[in-house]
Protein backbone atom coordinates (compact mmCIF):
# COMPACT_ATOMS: atom_id res chain seq x y z
CA MET A 1 -5.67 1.08 22.22
CA GLY A 2 -8.15 3.90 21.60
CA GLU A 3 -5.62 6.27 20.04
CA PHE A 4 -4.26 3.53 17.75
CA ARG A 5 -7.80 2.85 16.53
CA GLU A 6 -8.53 6.55 16.06
CA ILE A 7 -5.37 7.06 13.97
CA PHE A 8 -6.38 4.04 11.91
CA GLU A 9 -9.82 5.43 11.23
CA VAL A 10 -8.59 8.95 10.42
CA TYR A 11 -6.26 7.38 7.84
CA GLY A 12 -9.24 5.61 6.29
CA ALA A 13 -8.53 2.03 7.26
CA ASP A 14 -10.81 -0.61 8.77
CA TYR A 15 -9.36 -1.16 12.22
CA ASN A 16 -11.48 -4.18 13.18
CA SER A 17 -10.83 -6.27 10.07
CA THR A 18 -7.17 -5.40 9.90
CA MET A 19 -6.39 -5.96 13.55
CA ALA A 20 -8.27 -9.26 13.46
CA ARG A 21 -5.63 -10.45 10.97
CA PHE A 22 -2.99 -9.50 13.52
CA MET A 23 -4.83 -11.03 16.49
CA GLY A 24 -5.28 -7.55 17.96
CA ASN A 25 -1.52 -7.26 18.43
CA GLU A 26 -0.60 -3.65 17.64
CA ALA A 27 3.14 -4.25 18.05
CA MET A 28 3.00 -7.07 15.51
CA TYR A 29 1.05 -4.85 13.12
CA LEU A 30 3.69 -2.11 13.39
CA LYS A 31 6.46 -4.64 12.78
CA PHE A 32 4.81 -5.77 9.54
CA LEU A 33 4.01 -2.19 8.56
CA ASP A 34 7.71 -1.33 8.93
CA MET A 35 8.54 -4.22 6.61
CA LEU A 36 6.37 -2.69 3.87
CA PHE A 37 8.77 0.23 3.64
CA LYS A 38 11.71 -2.13 3.16
CA ASP A 39 9.94 -3.95 0.31
CA ASP A 40 11.28 -3.17 -3.16
CA ASN A 41 8.10 -3.70 -5.18
CA LEU A 42 7.35 0.02 -5.42
CA GLU A 43 10.78 0.55 -6.96
CA LYS A 44 10.32 -2.50 -9.21
CA LEU A 45 7.01 -1.10 -10.42
CA GLY A 46 8.55 2.26 -11.27
CA THR A 47 11.48 0.68 -13.09
CA ALA A 48 9.25 -1.69 -15.04
CA LEU A 49 6.97 1.16 -16.11
CA GLU A 50 9.99 3.19 -17.19
CA GLN A 51 11.22 0.26 -19.27
CA GLN A 52 7.69 -0.41 -20.58
CA ASP A 53 7.93 -3.95 -19.19
CA TYR A 54 4.25 -4.23 -18.36
CA GLU A 55 4.45 -7.87 -17.34
CA ALA A 56 7.01 -7.05 -14.64
CA ALA A 57 4.99 -3.95 -13.71
CA PHE A 58 1.90 -6.11 -13.23
CA ALA A 59 3.82 -8.58 -11.05
CA ALA A 60 5.14 -5.80 -8.79
CA ALA A 61 1.78 -4.01 -8.61
CA HIS A 62 -0.10 -7.23 -7.90
CA THR A 63 2.28 -8.07 -5.06
CA LEU A 64 1.87 -4.57 -3.62
CA LYS A 65 -1.90 -4.89 -3.88
CA GLY A 66 -1.86 -8.04 -1.75
CA VAL A 67 0.51 -6.67 0.85
CA VAL A 68 -1.18 -3.29 1.34
CA GLY A 69 -4.60 -4.96 1.29
CA ASN A 70 -3.60 -7.30 4.10
CA MET A 71 -2.15 -4.35 6.01
CA GLY A 72 -5.50 -2.57 5.80
CA LEU A 73 -3.98 0.44 4.04
CA THR A 74 -7.22 1.21 2.19
CA PRO A 75 -6.21 4.52 0.55
CA LEU A 76 -2.95 3.01 -0.74
CA PHE A 77 -4.75 -0.19 -1.74
CA ASN A 78 -7.18 1.82 -3.85
CA ALA A 79 -4.30 3.64 -5.58
CA VAL A 80 -2.55 0.34 -6.37
CA CYS A 81 -5.78 -1.24 -7.65
CA ALA A 82 -6.12 1.62 -10.14
CA ILE A 83 -2.96 0.43 -11.93
CA VAL A 84 -3.27 -3.33 -11.40
CA GLU A 85 -6.40 -3.82 -13.48
CA PRO A 86 -5.21 -1.98 -16.61
CA LEU A 87 -1.90 -3.87 -16.37
CA ARG A 88 -3.75 -7.17 -15.93
CA LYS A 89 -5.81 -6.46 -19.05
CA ARG A 90 -2.69 -5.34 -20.90
CA GLU A 91 -4.36 -2.05 -21.72
CA ALA A 92 -2.49 0.73 -23.46
CA PRO A 93 -0.40 2.77 -21.02
CA GLU A 94 -2.63 5.83 -21.15
CA ASP A 95 -1.59 7.26 -17.80
CA TYR A 96 0.57 4.72 -16.03
CA ASN A 97 2.95 7.49 -14.90
CA GLY A 98 0.09 9.41 -13.28
CA LEU A 99 -1.18 6.25 -11.60
CA TYR A 100 2.33 5.48 -10.36
CA GLN A 101 2.59 8.99 -8.90
CA MET A 102 -0.69 8.38 -7.05
CA ILE A 103 0.84 5.21 -5.58
CA GLN A 104 3.96 7.11 -4.54
CA THR A 105 1.77 9.71 -2.84
CA GLY A 106 -0.14 6.90 -1.17
CA PHE A 107 3.13 5.49 0.18
CA LEU A 108 4.02 8.87 1.65
CA GLN A 109 0.60 9.05 3.32
CA ALA A 110 0.99 5.49 4.62
CA ASP A 111 4.38 6.44 6.04
CA GLU A 112 2.80 9.40 7.86
CA PHE A 113 0.14 7.00 9.16
CA ARG A 114 2.90 4.70 10.41
CA LYS A 115 4.69 7.57 12.17
CA LYS A 116 1.47 8.66 13.87
CA LEU A 117 0.80 5.11 15.05
CA LYS A 118 4.27 4.93 16.57
CA GLU A 119 3.92 8.34 18.23
CA GLY A 120 0.55 7.34 19.68
CA ARG A 121 1.89 4.27 21.42
């Protein structure tokens, strides 16, 4: 359990709060983490931004925010929050593409985190 916790903390996540949601069950956490990478909301967000459908973009981003927040993926959560609030307020799309790229980078980092967790088991 120590290595799992260490990987969590190096990534920048709150191990105690997150694992409490998963009853301390690391295998269950990994199962749900794997499901995140099968979710299509990242793709939906990108498509909606491309089509300037900011209502659909908000829906996808808001869903991602909830999922990654519950998964304790703090760095990715912060990246998603940066786009959710402007979309919620229907602000002009000053840099939605840049914010989306930050989210994509965050997903890559979260995937590396996932791989390290699996290797450490």
